[in-house]
Amino acid sequence: MQRRPEGAPRRERREGGRGERTSRRKICQFHDHVREIDYKDANRFLKRYISDRGKIEPRRKTGTCAKHQRRLSVALKEARHMALLPYTAEHMRGMHS
């Protein structure tokens, strides 16, 4: 095994045999920027975290930390309850028209 020359960058490790995909870890968008996640910001802000099928996007896709993902899901559910966001894909089609 050869030693890495001093000052040379380390090679990134591949994850579990899933091909050539090596990507950087996403950073939580709520740190330092947003104090509170509010359900009333549905149209301009919360829509980003819902898929085209109306499902809440997972952490691995959005890059949010666990703490903010929990708060985000509560806000999304409250917005759905108040009819600011759709529950299903059929409701999504109705919103675009």
PDB file of N, CA and C in Angstrom:
ATOM      1  N   MET A   1       0.835  -1.172   0.000  1.00  0.00           N
ATOM      2  CA  MET A   1       0.000   0.000   0.000  1.00  0.00           C
ATOM      3  C   MET A   1       0.881   1.236   0.000  1.00  0.00           C
ATOM      4  N   GLN A   2       0.625   2.121  -0.943  1.00  0.00           N
ATOM      5  CA  GLN A   2       1.435   3.325  -1.040  1.00  0.00           C
ATOM      6  C   GLN A   2       0.920   4.383  -0.092  1.00  0.00           C
ATOM      7  N   ARG A   3       1.846   5.178   0.391  1.00  0.00           N
ATOM      8  CA  ARG A   3       1.466   6.279   1.267  1.00  0.00           C
ATOM      9  C   ARG A   3       1.137   7.501   0.428  1.00  0.00           C
ATOM     10  N   ARG A   4       0.242   8.277   0.901  1.00  0.00           N
ATOM     11  CA  ARG A   4      -0.156   9.511   0.224  1.00  0.00           C
ATOM     12  C   ARG A   4       0.907  10.572   0.488  1.00  0.00           C
ATOM     13  N   PRO A   5       1.341  11.278  -0.560  1.00  0.00           N
ATOM     14  CA  PRO A   5       2.326  12.338  -0.340  1.00  0.00           C
ATOM     15  C   PRO A   5       1.737  13.432   0.555  1.00  0.00           C
ATOM     16  N   GLU A   6       2.582  14.026   1.354  1.00  0.00           N
ATOM     17  CA  GLU A   6       2.115  15.043   2.290  1.00  0.00           C
ATOM     18  C   GLU A   6       1.535  16.230   1.538  1.00  0.00           C
ATOM     19  N   GLY A   7       0.371  16.701   1.970  1.00  0.00           N
ATOM     20  CA  GLY A   7      -0.277  17.834   1.325  1.00  0.00           C
ATOM     21  C   GLY A   7      -1.212  17.447   0.193  1.00  0.00           C
ATOM     22  N   ALA A   8      -1.165  16.186  -0.229  1.00  0.00           N
ATOM     23  CA  ALA A   8      -2.051  15.733  -1.309  1.00  0.00           C
ATOM     24  C   ALA A   8      -3.447  15.506  -0.743  1.00  0.00           C
ATOM     25  N   PRO A   9      -4.482  15.798  -1.519  1.00  0.00           N
ATOM     26  CA  PRO A   9      -5.844  15.617  -1.010  1.00  0.00           C
ATOM     27  C   PRO A   9      -6.184  14.138  -0.849  1.00  0.00           C
ATOM     28  N   ARG A  10      -7.027  13.856   0.108  1.00  0.00           N
ATOM     29  CA  ARG A  10      -7.468  12.473   0.331  1.00  0.00           C
ATOM     30  C   ARG A  10      -8.509  12.098  -0.702  1.00  0.00           C
ATOM     31  N   ARG A  11      -8.519  10.845  -1.056  1.00  0.00           N
ATOM     32  CA  ARG A  11      -9.514  10.345  -1.997  1.00  0.00           C
ATOM     33  C   ARG A  11     -10.806  10.080  -1.247  1.00  0.00           C
ATOM     34  N   GLU A  12     -11.929  10.485  -1.849  1.00  0.00           N
ATOM     35  CA  GLU A  12     -13.212  10.254  -1.189  1.00  0.00           C
ATOM     36  C   GLU A  12     -13.593   8.779  -1.303  1.00  0.00           C
ATOM     37  N   ARG A  13     -14.183   8.258  -0.254  1.00  0.00           N
ATOM     38  CA  ARG A  13     -14.611   6.860  -0.249  1.00  0.00           C
ATOM     39  C   ARG A  13     -15.939   6.720  -0.959  1.00  0.00           C
ATOM     40  N   ARG A  14     -16.101   5.599  -1.593  1.00  0.00           N
ATOM     41  CA  ARG A  14     -17.379   5.302  -2.242  1.00  0.00           C
ATOM     42  C   ARG A  14     -18.292   4.633  -1.245  1.00  0.00           C
ATOM     43  N   GLU A  15     -19.572   4.841  -1.452  1.00  0.00           N
ATOM     44  CA  GLU A  15     -20.543   4.290  -0.513  1.00  0.00           C
ATOM     45  C   GLU A  15     -21.117   2.992  -1.031  1.00  0.00           C
ATOM     46  N   GLY A  16     -20.898   1.931  -0.316  1.00  0.00           N
ATOM     47  CA  GLY A  16     -21.554   0.651  -0.441  1.00  0.00           C
ATOM     48  C   GLY A  16     -21.848   0.068  -1.808  1.00  0.00           C
ATOM     49  N   GLY A  17     -20.990   0.210  -2.792  1.00  0.00           N
ATOM     50  CA  GLY A  17     -21.164  -0.469  -4.059  1.00  0.00           C
ATOM     51  C   GLY A  17     -22.365  -0.023  -4.865  1.00  0.00           C
ATOM     52  N   ARG A  18     -22.741   1.208  -4.786  1.00  0.00           N
ATOM     53  CA  ARG A  18     -23.888   1.687  -5.553  1.00  0.00           C
ATOM     54  C   ARG A  18     -23.436   2.436  -6.793  1.00  0.00           C
ATOM     55  N   GLY A  19     -22.407   1.976  -7.430  1.00  0.00           N
ATOM     56  CA  GLY A  19     -21.965   2.594  -8.672  1.00  0.00           C
ATOM     57  C   GLY A  19     -20.989   3.728  -8.424  1.00  0.00           C
ATOM     58  N   GLU A  20     -20.931   4.617  -9.351  1.00  0.00           N
ATOM     59  CA  GLU A  20     -19.963   5.701  -9.309  1.00  0.00           C
ATOM     60  C   GLU A  20     -20.494   6.962  -8.642  1.00  0.00           C
ATOM     61  N   ARG A  21     -21.654   6.892  -8.043  1.00  0.00           N
ATOM     62  CA  ARG A  21     -22.256   8.082  -7.444  1.00  0.00           C
ATOM     63  C   ARG A  21     -21.582   8.443  -6.138  1.00  0.00           C
ATOM     64  N   THR A  22     -20.832   9.509  -6.116  1.00  0.00           N
ATOM     65  CA  THR A  22     -20.322  10.064  -4.870  1.00  0.00           C
ATOM     66  C   THR A  22     -20.708  11.522  -4.865  1.00  0.00           C
ATOM     67  N   SER A  23     -21.526  11.904  -3.915  1.00  0.00           N
ATOM     68  CA  SER A  23     -21.983  13.277  -3.871  1.00  0.00           C
ATOM     69  C   SER A  23     -21.707  13.869  -2.503  1.00  0.00           C
ATOM     70  N   ARG A  24     -21.665  15.161  -2.464  1.00  0.00           N
ATOM     71  CA  ARG A  24     -21.428  15.851  -1.212  1.00  0.00           C
ATOM     72  C   ARG A  24     -22.695  15.828  -0.361  1.00  0.00           C
ATOM     73  N   ARG A  25     -22.500  15.851   0.919  1.00  0.00           N
ATOM     74  CA  ARG A  25     -23.631  15.882   1.846  1.00  0.00           C
ATOM     75  C   ARG A  25     -24.298  17.247   1.771  1.00  0.00           C
ATOM     76  N   LYS A  26     -25.619  17.246   1.709  1.00  0.00           N
ATOM     77  CA  LYS A  26     -26.352  18.508   1.632  1.00  0.00           C
ATOM     78  C   LYS A  26     -26.405  19.163   3.004  1.00  0.00           C
ATOM     79  N   ILE A  27     -26.459  20.464   2.996  1.00  0.00           N
ATOM     80  CA  ILE A  27     -26.473  21.228   4.237  1.00  0.00           C
ATOM     81  C   ILE A  27     -27.897  21.684   4.525  1.00  0.00           C
ATOM     82  N   CYS A  28     -28.279  21.635   5.775  1.00  0.00           N
ATOM     83  CA  CYS A  28     -29.622  22.047   6.178  1.00  0.00           C
ATOM     84  C   CYS A  28     -29.830  23.518   5.844  1.00  0.00           C
ATOM     85  N   GLN A  29     -30.913  23.812   5.141  1.00  0.00           N
ATOM     86  CA  GLN A  29     -31.191  25.182   4.714  1.00  0.00           C
ATOM     87  C   GLN A  29     -31.760  26.032   5.833  1.00  0.00           C
ATOM     88  N   PHE A  30     -32.160  25.420   6.919  1.00  0.00           N
ATOM     89  CA  PHE A  30     -32.813  26.166   7.983  1.00  0.00           C
ATOM     90  C   PHE A  30     -31.843  26.710   9.022  1.00  0.00           C
ATOM     91  N   HIS A  31     -30.611  26.213   9.036  1.00  0.00           N
ATOM     92  CA  HIS A  31     -29.631  26.724   9.983  1.00  0.00           C
ATOM     93  C   HIS A  31     -29.258  28.148   9.603  1.00  0.00           C
ATOM     94  N   ASP A  32     -29.261  29.024  10.563  1.00  0.00           N
ATOM     95  CA  ASP A  32     -28.854  30.429  10.426  1.00  0.00           C
ATOM     96  C   ASP A  32     -29.809  31.296   9.617  1.00  0.00           C
ATOM     97  N   HIS A  33     -30.714  30.720   8.834  1.00  0.00           N
ATOM     98  CA  HIS A  33     -31.559  31.537   7.971  1.00  0.00           C
ATOM     99  C   HIS A  33     -32.977  31.691   8.509  1.00  0.00           C
ATOM    100  N   VAL A  34     -33.567  30.601   8.940  1.00  0.00           N
ATOM    101  CA  VAL A  34     -34.980  30.609   9.311  1.00  0.00           C
ATOM    102  C   VAL A  34     -35.092  30.369  10.821  1.00  0.00           C
ATOM    103  N   ARG A  35     -35.816  31.239  11.490  1.00  0.00           N
ATOM    104  CA  ARG A  35     -36.008  31.046  12.928  1.00  0.00           C
ATOM    105  C   ARG A  35     -37.127  30.056  13.202  1.00  0.00           C
ATOM    106  N   GLU A  36     -38.224  30.202  12.488  1.00  0.00           N
ATOM    107  CA  GLU A  36     -39.389  29.351  12.733  1.00  0.00           C
ATOM    108  C   GLU A  36     -39.962  28.876  11.402  1.00  0.00           C
ATOM    109  N   ILE A  37     -40.351  27.624  11.353  1.00  0.00           N
ATOM    110  CA  ILE A  37     -40.989  27.075  10.151  1.00  0.00           C
ATOM    111  C   ILE A  37     -42.486  27.225  10.358  1.00  0.00           C
ATOM    112  N   ASP A  38     -43.132  28.031   9.518  1.00  0.00           N
ATOM    113  CA  ASP A  38     -44.529  28.373   9.714  1.00  0.00           C
ATOM    114  C   ASP A  38     -45.382  27.781   8.599  1.00  0.00           C
ATOM    115  N   TYR A  39     -46.522  27.226   8.949  1.00  0.00           N
ATOM    116  CA  TYR A  39     -47.395  26.601   7.953  1.00  0.00           C
ATOM    117  C   TYR A  39     -48.010  27.621   7.010  1.00  0.00           C
ATOM    118  N   LYS A  40     -48.025  28.898   7.381  1.00  0.00           N
ATOM    119  CA  LYS A  40     -48.659  29.921   6.553  1.00  0.00           C
ATOM    120  C   LYS A  40     -47.815  30.320   5.341  1.00  0.00           C
ATOM    121  N   ASP A  41     -46.555  29.899   5.297  1.00  0.00           N
ATOM    122  CA  ASP A  41     -45.682  30.188   4.159  1.00  0.00           C
ATOM    123  C   ASP A  41     -45.812  29.129   3.077  1.00  0.00           C
ATOM    124  N   ALA A  42     -46.981  28.556   2.921  1.00  0.00           N
ATOM    125  CA  ALA A  42     -47.166  27.382   2.073  1.00  0.00           C
ATOM    126  C   ALA A  42     -46.828  27.640   0.606  1.00  0.00           C
ATOM    127  N   ASN A  43     -47.362  28.699   0.019  1.00  0.00           N
ATOM    128  CA  ASN A  43     -47.205  28.891  -1.419  1.00  0.00           C
ATOM    129  C   ASN A  43     -45.775  29.177  -1.840  1.00  0.00           C
ATOM    130  N   ARG A  44     -45.068  30.016  -1.134  1.00  0.00           N
ATOM    131  CA  ARG A  44     -43.740  30.385  -1.609  1.00  0.00           C
ATOM    132  C   ARG A  44     -42.624  29.533  -1.023  1.00  0.00           C
ATOM    133  N   PHE A  45     -42.870  28.874   0.099  1.00  0.00           N
ATOM    134  CA  PHE A  45     -41.774  28.224   0.799  1.00  0.00           C
ATOM    135  C   PHE A  45     -41.955  26.719   0.965  1.00  0.00           C
ATOM    136  N   LEU A  46     -43.077  26.286   1.477  1.00  0.00           N
ATOM    137  CA  LEU A  46     -43.269  24.879   1.815  1.00  0.00           C
ATOM    138  C   LEU A  46     -43.499  23.988   0.603  1.00  0.00           C
ATOM    139  N   LYS A  47     -43.923  24.559  -0.519  1.00  0.00           N
ATOM    140  CA  LYS A  47     -44.170  23.762  -1.721  1.00  0.00           C
ATOM    141  C   LYS A  47     -42.923  23.026  -2.203  1.00  0.00           C
ATOM    142  N   ARG A  48     -41.757  23.586  -1.907  1.00  0.00           N
ATOM    143  CA  ARG A  48     -40.496  22.955  -2.321  1.00  0.00           C
ATOM    144  C   ARG A  48     -40.297  21.595  -1.683  1.00  0.00           C
ATOM    145  N   TYR A  49     -40.899  21.371  -0.531  1.00  0.00           N
ATOM    146  CA  TYR A  49     -40.676  20.148   0.227  1.00  0.00           C
ATOM    147  C   TYR A  49     -41.763  19.112   0.015  1.00  0.00           C
ATOM    148  N   ILE A  50     -42.570  19.285  -1.026  1.00  0.00           N
ATOM    149  CA  ILE A  50     -43.609  18.314  -1.379  1.00  0.00           C
ATOM    150  C   ILE A  50     -43.339  17.819  -2.792  1.00  0.00           C
ATOM    151  N   SER A  51     -43.439  16.518  -3.005  1.00  0.00           N
ATOM    152  CA  SER A  51     -43.192  15.941  -4.329  1.00  0.00           C
ATOM    153  C   SER A  51     -44.367  16.234  -5.263  1.00  0.00           C
ATOM    154  N   ASP A  52     -44.207  15.882  -6.519  1.00  0.00           N
ATOM    155  CA  ASP A  52     -45.284  16.087  -7.487  1.00  0.00           C
ATOM    156  C   ASP A  52     -46.492  15.196  -7.177  1.00  0.00           C
ATOM    157  N   ARG A  53     -46.288  14.177  -6.359  1.00  0.00           N
ATOM    158  CA  ARG A  53     -47.378  13.297  -5.942  1.00  0.00           C
ATOM    159  C   ARG A  53     -48.060  13.777  -4.668  1.00  0.00           C
ATOM    160  N   GLY A  54     -47.528  14.834  -4.059  1.00  0.00           N
ATOM    161  CA  GLY A  54     -48.113  15.367  -2.838  1.00  0.00           C
ATOM    162  C   GLY A  54     -47.507  14.807  -1.571  1.00  0.00           C
ATOM    163  N   LYS A  55     -46.410  14.057  -1.681  1.00  0.00           N
ATOM    164  CA  LYS A  55     -45.773  13.464  -0.511  1.00  0.00           C
ATOM    165  C   LYS A  55     -44.694  14.400   0.031  1.00  0.00           C
ATOM    166  N   ILE A  56     -44.418  14.276   1.315  1.00  0.00           N
ATOM    167  CA  ILE A  56     -43.353  15.054   1.942  1.00  0.00           C
ATOM    168  C   ILE A  56     -42.025  14.453   1.512  1.00  0.00           C
ATOM    169  N   GLU A  57     -41.118  15.297   1.007  1.00  0.00           N
ATOM    170  CA  GLU A  57     -39.818  14.828   0.542  1.00  0.00           C
ATOM    171  C   GLU A  57     -38.964  14.365   1.725  1.00  0.00           C
ATOM    172  N   PRO A  58     -38.196  13.279   1.565  1.00  0.00           N
ATOM    173  CA  PRO A  58     -37.375  12.768   2.660  1.00  0.00           C
ATOM    174  C   PRO A  58     -36.133  13.628   2.903  1.00  0.00           C
ATOM    175  N   ARG A  59     -35.523  13.439   4.051  1.00  0.00           N
ATOM    176  CA  ARG A  59     -34.322  14.186   4.431  1.00  0.00           C
ATOM    177  C   ARG A  59     -33.183  13.982   3.451  1.00  0.00           C
ATOM    178  N   ARG A  60     -33.023  12.765   2.963  1.00  0.00           N
ATOM    179  CA  ARG A  60     -31.897  12.482   2.074  1.00  0.00           C
ATOM    180  C   ARG A  60     -31.998  13.262   0.767  1.00  0.00           C
ATOM    181  N   LYS A  61     -33.199  13.651   0.401  1.00  0.00           N
ATOM    182  CA  LYS A  61     -33.391  14.412  -0.836  1.00  0.00           C
ATOM    183  C   LYS A  61     -33.303  15.921  -0.608  1.00  0.00           C
ATOM    184  N   THR A  62     -33.863  16.395   0.493  1.00  0.00           N
ATOM    185  CA  THR A  62     -33.879  17.832   0.751  1.00  0.00           C
ATOM    186  C   THR A  62     -32.626  18.313   1.459  1.00  0.00           C
ATOM    187  N   GLY A  63     -31.997  17.421   2.236  1.00  0.00           N
ATOM    188  CA  GLY A  63     -30.780  17.811   2.939  1.00  0.00           C
ATOM    189  C   GLY A  63     -31.024  18.465   4.285  1.00  0.00           C
ATOM    190  N   THR A  64     -32.237  18.477   4.776  1.00  0.00           N
ATOM    191  CA  THR A  64     -32.503  19.090   6.074  1.00  0.00           C
ATOM    192  C   THR A  64     -32.037  18.174   7.200  1.00  0.00           C
ATOM    193  N   CYS A  65     -31.704  18.776   8.333  1.00  0.00           N
ATOM    194  CA  CYS A  65     -31.300  17.968   9.488  1.00  0.00           C
ATOM    195  C   CYS A  65     -32.551  17.370  10.135  1.00  0.00           C
ATOM    196  N   ALA A  66     -32.371  16.440  11.037  1.00  0.00           N
ATOM    197  CA  ALA A  66     -33.497  15.719  11.641  1.00  0.00           C
ATOM    198  C   ALA A  66     -34.423  16.658  12.411  1.00  0.00           C
ATOM    199  N   LYS A  67     -33.836  17.576  13.149  1.00  0.00           N
ATOM    200  CA  LYS A  67     -34.628  18.514  13.955  1.00  0.00           C
ATOM    201  C   LYS A  67     -35.546  19.359  13.077  1.00  0.00           C
ATOM    202  N   HIS A  68     -34.992  19.916  12.006  1.00  0.00           N
ATOM    203  CA  HIS A  68     -35.786  20.771  11.137  1.00  0.00           C
ATOM    204  C   HIS A  68     -36.730  19.967  10.251  1.00  0.00           C
ATOM    205  N   GLN A  69     -36.390  18.726   9.929  1.00  0.00           N
ATOM    206  CA  GLN A  69     -37.290  17.883   9.144  1.00  0.00           C
ATOM    207  C   GLN A  69     -38.559  17.580   9.951  1.00  0.00           C
ATOM    208  N   ARG A  70     -38.410  17.362  11.251  1.00  0.00           N
ATOM    209  CA  ARG A  70     -39.581  17.128  12.099  1.00  0.00           C
ATOM    210  C   ARG A  70     -40.472  18.363  12.128  1.00  0.00           C
ATOM    211  N   ARG A  71     -39.872  19.527  12.304  1.00  0.00           N
ATOM    212  CA  ARG A  71     -40.648  20.774  12.328  1.00  0.00           C
ATOM    213  C   ARG A  71     -41.297  21.047  10.970  1.00  0.00           C
ATOM    214  N   LEU A  72     -40.562  20.744   9.916  1.00  0.00           N
ATOM    215  CA  LEU A  72     -41.073  20.942   8.567  1.00  0.00           C
ATOM    216  C   LEU A  72     -42.278  20.048   8.305  1.00  0.00           C
ATOM    217  N   SER A  73     -42.196  18.791   8.723  1.00  0.00           N
ATOM    218  CA  SER A  73     -43.320  17.880   8.482  1.00  0.00           C
ATOM    219  C   SER A  73     -44.553  18.306   9.267  1.00  0.00           C
ATOM    220  N   VAL A  74     -44.365  18.829  10.478  1.00  0.00           N
ATOM    221  CA  VAL A  74     -45.502  19.320  11.261  1.00  0.00           C
ATOM    222  C   VAL A  74     -46.132  20.515  10.543  1.00  0.00           C
ATOM    223  N   ALA A  75     -45.304  21.433  10.030  1.00  0.00           N
ATOM    224  CA  ALA A  75     -45.814  22.614   9.324  1.00  0.00           C
ATOM    225  C   ALA A  75     -46.547  22.208   8.048  1.00  0.00           C
ATOM    226  N   LEU A  76     -46.016  21.233   7.325  1.00  0.00           N
ATOM    227  CA  LEU A  76     -46.670  20.768   6.101  1.00  0.00           C
ATOM    228  C   LEU A  76     -48.019  20.127   6.411  1.00  0.00           C
ATOM    229  N   LYS A  77     -48.075  19.355   7.475  1.00  0.00           N
ATOM    230  CA  LYS A  77     -49.334  18.715   7.855  1.00  0.00           C
ATOM    231  C   LYS A  77     -50.369  19.744   8.305  1.00  0.00           C
ATOM    232  N   GLU A  78     -49.912  20.775   9.012  1.00  0.00           N
ATOM    233  CA  GLU A  78     -50.825  21.847   9.412  1.00  0.00           C
ATOM    234  C   GLU A  78     -51.339  22.598   8.188  1.00  0.00           C
ATOM    235  N   ALA A  79     -50.464  22.842   7.213  1.00  0.00           N
ATOM    236  CA  ALA A  79     -50.861  23.539   5.987  1.00  0.00           C
ATOM    237  C   ALA A  79     -51.863  22.696   5.197  1.00  0.00           C
ATOM    238  N   ARG A  80     -51.679  21.394   5.185  1.00  0.00           N
ATOM    239  CA  ARG A  80     -52.646  20.516   4.520  1.00  0.00           C
ATOM    240  C   ARG A  80     -53.994  20.582   5.234  1.00  0.00           C
ATOM    241  N   HIS A  81     -53.942  20.557   6.555  1.00  0.00           N
ATOM    242  CA  HIS A  81     -55.175  20.594   7.339  1.00  0.00           C
ATOM    243  C   HIS A  81     -55.950  21.899   7.111  1.00  0.00           C
ATOM    244  N   MET A  82     -55.225  22.985   6.924  1.00  0.00           N
ATOM    245  CA  MET A  82     -55.858  24.288   6.692  1.00  0.00           C
ATOM    246  C   MET A  82     -56.164  24.514   5.209  1.00  0.00           C
ATOM    247  N   ALA A  83     -55.968  23.496   4.376  1.00  0.00           N
ATOM    248  CA  ALA A  83     -56.239  23.522   2.935  1.00  0.00           C
ATOM    249  C   ALA A  83     -55.353  24.510   2.187  1.00  0.00           C
ATOM    250  N   LEU A  84     -54.123  24.714   2.683  1.00  0.00           N
ATOM    251  CA  LEU A  84     -53.163  25.555   1.974  1.00  0.00           C
ATOM    252  C   LEU A  84     -52.301  24.724   1.034  1.00  0.00           C
ATOM    253  N   LEU A  85     -52.185  23.428   1.333  1.00  0.00           N
ATOM    254  CA  LEU A  85     -51.422  22.500   0.505  1.00  0.00           C
ATOM    255  C   LEU A  85     -52.273  21.260   0.233  1.00  0.00           C
ATOM    256  N   PRO A  86     -52.014  20.569  -0.883  1.00  0.00           N
ATOM    257  CA  PRO A  86     -52.800  19.385  -1.230  1.00  0.00           C
ATOM    258  C   PRO A  86     -52.356  18.138  -0.474  1.00  0.00           C
ATOM    259  N   TYR A  87     -53.258  17.190  -0.363  1.00  0.00           N
ATOM    260  CA  TYR A  87     -52.948  15.896   0.238  1.00  0.00           C
ATOM    261  C   TYR A  87     -52.448  14.896  -0.799  1.00  0.00           C
ATOM    262  N   THR A  88     -53.007  14.926  -2.017  1.00  0.00           N
ATOM    263  CA  THR A  88     -52.689  13.909  -3.019  1.00  0.00           C
ATOM    264  C   THR A  88     -52.322  14.537  -4.353  1.00  0.00           C
ATOM    265  N   ALA A  89     -51.898  13.698  -5.295  1.00  0.00           N
ATOM    266  CA  ALA A  89     -51.507  14.160  -6.631  1.00  0.00           C
ATOM    267  C   ALA A  89     -52.681  14.745  -7.393  1.00  0.00           C
ATOM    268  N   GLU A  90     -53.874  14.206  -7.193  1.00  0.00           N
ATOM    269  CA  GLU A  90     -55.049  14.744  -7.879  1.00  0.00           C
ATOM    270  C   GLU A  90     -55.335  16.167  -7.439  1.00  0.00           C
ATOM    271  N   HIS A  91     -55.089  16.437  -6.174  1.00  0.00           N
ATOM    272  CA  HIS A  91     -55.273  17.798  -5.691  1.00  0.00           C
ATOM    273  C   HIS A  91     -54.196  18.701  -6.287  1.00  0.00           C
ATOM    274  N   MET A  92     -53.014  18.161  -6.533  1.00  0.00           N
ATOM    275  CA  MET A  92     -51.919  18.945  -7.113  1.00  0.00           C
ATOM    276  C   MET A  92     -52.311  19.391  -8.520  1.00  0.00           C
ATOM    277  N   ARG A  93     -52.933  18.502  -9.286  1.00  0.00           N
ATOM    278  CA  ARG A  93     -53.345  18.871 -10.651  1.00  0.00           C
ATOM    279  C   ARG A  93     -54.355  20.004 -10.615  1.00  0.00           C
ATOM    280  N   GLY A  94     -55.222  20.000  -9.634  1.00  0.00           N
ATOM    281  CA  GLY A  94     -56.219  21.046  -9.495  1.00  0.00           C
ATOM    282  C   GLY A  94     -55.622  22.388  -9.112  1.00  0.00           C
ATOM    283  N   MET A  95     -54.487  22.380  -8.436  1.00  0.00           N
ATOM    284  CA  MET A  95     -53.850  23.624  -8.011  1.00  0.00           C
ATOM    285  C   MET A  95     -53.206  24.367  -9.164  1.00  0.00           C
ATOM    286  N   HIS A  96     -52.692  23.638 -10.150  1.00  0.00           N
ATOM    287  CA  HIS A  96     -51.950  24.264 -11.245  1.00  0.00           C
ATOM    288  C   HIS A  96     -52.850  25.003 -12.213  1.00  0.00           C
ATOM    289  N   SER A  97     -54.127  24.657 -12.272  1.00  0.00           N
ATOM    290  CA  SER A  97     -54.996  25.316 -13.241  1.00  0.00           C
ATOM    291  C   SER A  97     -55.616  26.578 -12.716  1.00  0.00           C
TER     292      SER A  97
END
